[in-house]
Amino acid sequence: MDNMLDTGTLKVSLRSTLGSIPVKSAQVAISYTGEPDSTIETLSTDSSGQTETITLPTPPLEYSMSPSENQPYSEYTLQVKAEGYEPVSVSGVELFSGQEALADIDMVPNTAGENPERFVIGPHTLFGDYPPKIPEEEVKPPTETGEIV
C-alpha cells in the first residue's frame, strides 16, 4: 500500500458471551480489509483473552486533520478462531496514525456448525459519504399545547 508512512497499534481482547470469560489460546489473523485472504500477522490470546499489541501501517497523520479525498485510516479485517467457539470475522477495524485501536470481541460458544458470524464496521464519518446534517435552531421556542401537565 502506498502512502503508508505512519503507524498505529492494535490490541484484541476476546470474551465468551457466557459470563464474560476470557477466551485464551485463540488465533487472530489480521489482514487488510481489501485483501482478507492475505494475512499480515497471526496473533494468539493469552490467559486474559488478550493479544499482544501489534504495530501496523497507517496513512499519514495529516490525512485525519481535515476532510479530504484521502482515507485517514487503515482498515483491517480480523478472522478469529478459538476451540469451542464459533469463528468470527470483523471487517473495517479502523486504525489511525499514532493511536491504539482496541478490538473487544465477544465469542459465542460453538453449538452448531462452522458458520462464522460476520460484522462489518461502516466508514468513519471523517471519510464516509454520509448526507449532511440537517441544520437546527440553537434555541427552540416552547410549544404551547394548552394541556396542563
Protein backbone atom coordinates (compact mmCIF):
# COMPACT_ATOMS: atom_id res chain seq x y z
CA MET A 1 0.00 0.00 0.00
CA ASP A 2 1.37 3.38 -0.91
CA ASN A 3 1.23 6.45 1.34
CA MET A 4 1.61 4.19 4.40
CA LEU A 5 4.19 6.24 6.24
CA ASP A 6 2.88 6.23 9.80
CA THR A 7 1.85 3.50 12.23
CA GLY A 8 -0.81 2.80 14.81
CA THR A 9 -1.24 -0.07 17.23
CA LEU A 10 -3.93 -2.72 17.64
CA LYS A 11 -4.81 -4.92 20.59
CA VAL A 12 -7.56 -7.56 20.51
CA SER A 13 -9.49 -8.79 23.55
CA LEU A 14 -11.76 -11.86 23.38
CA ARG A 15 -14.53 -12.78 25.84
CA SER A 16 -17.13 -15.53 25.91
CA THR A 17 -20.75 -14.44 25.67
CA LEU A 18 -21.36 -16.77 28.63
CA GLY A 19 -20.23 -14.83 31.69
CA SER A 20 -17.54 -12.64 30.07
CA ILE A 21 -14.91 -15.39 30.45
CA PRO A 22 -11.61 -14.60 28.66
CA VAL A 23 -11.06 -16.72 25.54
CA LYS A 24 -7.48 -17.96 25.72
CA SER A 25 -5.35 -19.64 23.02
CA ALA A 26 -7.46 -18.15 20.21
CA GLN A 27 -5.92 -17.35 16.81
CA VAL A 28 -6.47 -13.83 15.43
CA ALA A 29 -5.50 -13.44 11.76
CA ILE A 30 -5.07 -9.80 10.66
CA SER A 31 -5.36 -8.71 7.01
CA TYR A 32 -6.11 -5.54 5.06
CA THR A 33 -9.88 -5.26 4.58
CA GLY A 34 -9.44 -5.13 0.78
CA GLU A 35 -7.36 -8.33 0.88
CA PRO A 36 -8.97 -10.63 3.51
CA ASP A 37 -7.13 -13.72 2.22
CA SER A 38 -3.65 -12.13 2.59
CA THR A 39 -2.86 -12.48 6.28
CA ILE A 40 -0.38 -9.86 7.54
CA GLU A 41 0.05 -11.32 11.02
CA THR A 42 -1.47 -14.02 13.23
CA LEU A 43 -1.66 -13.43 16.98
CA SER A 44 -2.66 -15.67 19.89
CA THR A 45 -4.56 -14.66 23.01
CA ASP A 46 -3.09 -15.13 26.48
CA SER A 47 -4.84 -16.38 29.63
CA SER A 48 -6.59 -12.99 29.89
CA GLY A 49 -8.04 -13.36 26.38
CA GLN A 50 -5.82 -10.58 25.01
CA THR A 51 -3.30 -10.45 22.20
CA GLU A 52 -0.04 -8.58 22.36
CA THR A 53 -0.16 -5.03 21.00
CA ILE A 54 0.87 -5.03 17.34
CA THR A 55 2.12 -2.07 15.26
CA LEU A 56 0.57 -1.74 11.80
CA PRO A 57 0.93 0.77 8.93
CA THR A 58 -1.48 3.72 8.67
CA PRO A 59 -1.83 6.71 6.36
CA PRO A 60 -0.04 9.91 7.47
CA LEU A 61 -1.47 11.77 10.48
CA GLU A 62 -2.16 14.83 8.28
CA TYR A 63 -4.95 12.91 6.48
CA SER A 64 -7.05 12.92 9.67
CA MET A 65 -6.62 16.64 10.44
CA SER A 66 -9.25 17.83 7.96
CA PRO A 67 -11.67 16.26 5.45
CA SER A 68 -10.03 15.29 2.18
CA GLU A 69 -10.12 12.73 -0.61
CA ASN A 70 -7.55 10.62 1.26
CA GLN A 71 -8.81 7.96 3.65
CA PRO A 72 -7.34 8.99 7.04
CA TYR A 73 -7.16 5.47 8.48
CA SER A 74 -6.21 1.92 7.54
CA GLU A 75 -8.91 -0.73 7.53
CA TYR A 76 -8.16 -4.21 8.77
CA THR A 77 -10.12 -7.46 8.92
CA LEU A 78 -9.83 -9.81 11.91
CA GLN A 79 -10.52 -13.54 11.48
CA VAL A 80 -10.86 -15.09 14.93
CA LYS A 81 -10.84 -18.82 15.68
CA ALA A 82 -10.90 -20.48 19.08
CA GLU A 83 -11.54 -24.07 20.09
CA GLY A 84 -15.11 -24.46 21.34
CA TYR A 85 -16.29 -21.14 19.84
CA GLU A 86 -17.87 -20.11 16.56
CA PRO A 87 -15.40 -18.33 14.23
CA VAL A 88 -15.84 -14.56 13.98
CA SER A 89 -14.90 -12.16 11.17
CA VAL A 90 -14.73 -8.41 11.84
CA SER A 91 -14.23 -6.20 8.77
CA GLY A 92 -13.45 -2.50 8.79
CA VAL A 93 -11.41 -2.17 12.01
CA GLU A 94 -10.09 1.41 11.72
CA LEU A 95 -6.53 2.26 12.68
CA PHE A 96 -5.37 5.90 12.82
CA SER A 97 -1.79 7.16 12.91
CA GLY A 98 -0.34 7.31 16.42
CA GLN A 99 -3.45 5.79 18.03
CA GLU A 100 -4.12 2.45 19.70
CA ALA A 101 -7.21 0.62 18.49
CA LEU A 102 -8.81 -1.78 20.95
CA ALA A 103 -10.97 -4.51 19.42
CA ASP A 104 -13.22 -6.17 22.02
CA ILE A 105 -14.87 -9.25 20.52
CA ASP A 106 -17.49 -11.44 22.14
CA MET A 107 -17.14 -15.10 21.15
CA VAL A 108 -20.21 -17.37 21.01
CA PRO A 109 -19.70 -20.94 22.25
CA ASN A 110 -19.93 -23.37 19.33
CA THR A 111 -23.16 -25.32 19.50
CA ALA A 112 -23.70 -25.99 15.80
CA GLY A 113 -21.54 -25.86 12.66
CA GLU A 114 -18.65 -23.71 11.49
CA ASN A 115 -20.59 -20.75 10.08
CA PRO A 116 -18.66 -17.62 11.02
CA GLU A 117 -20.54 -14.63 12.40
CA ARG A 118 -19.59 -11.62 10.27
CA PHE A 119 -19.53 -8.00 11.43
CA VAL A 120 -18.85 -5.05 9.13
CA ILE A 121 -17.95 -1.64 10.53
CA GLY A 122 -19.04 1.17 8.19
CA PRO A 123 -16.78 4.03 7.05
CA HIS A 124 -15.84 6.66 9.61
CA THR A 125 -17.77 9.96 9.40
CA LEU A 126 -14.49 11.74 8.57
CA PHE A 127 -14.29 9.83 5.31
CA GLY A 128 -17.63 8.15 4.57
CA ASP A 129 -20.21 9.53 2.15
CA TYR A 130 -22.99 10.49 4.54
CA PRO A 131 -25.79 13.05 3.99
CA PRO A 132 -25.14 16.47 5.54
CA LYS A 133 -26.52 17.18 8.98
CA ILE A 134 -29.87 18.94 8.91
CA PRO A 135 -29.38 22.39 10.49
CA GLU A 136 -31.47 23.07 13.57
CA GLU A 137 -32.20 26.22 15.53
CA GLU A 138 -29.93 26.57 18.56
CA VAL A 139 -32.83 27.58 20.80
CA LYS A 140 -36.23 26.14 20.01
CA PRO A 141 -39.31 28.07 21.10
CA PRO A 142 -41.53 26.15 23.54
CA THR A 143 -44.73 24.88 22.02
CA GLU A 144 -47.96 25.74 23.81
CA THR A 145 -50.34 22.78 23.65
CA GLY A 146 -52.93 24.11 26.10
CA GLU A 147 -52.63 20.97 28.23
CA ILE A 148 -51.81 21.13 31.92
CA VAL A 149 -49.22 18.57 32.95
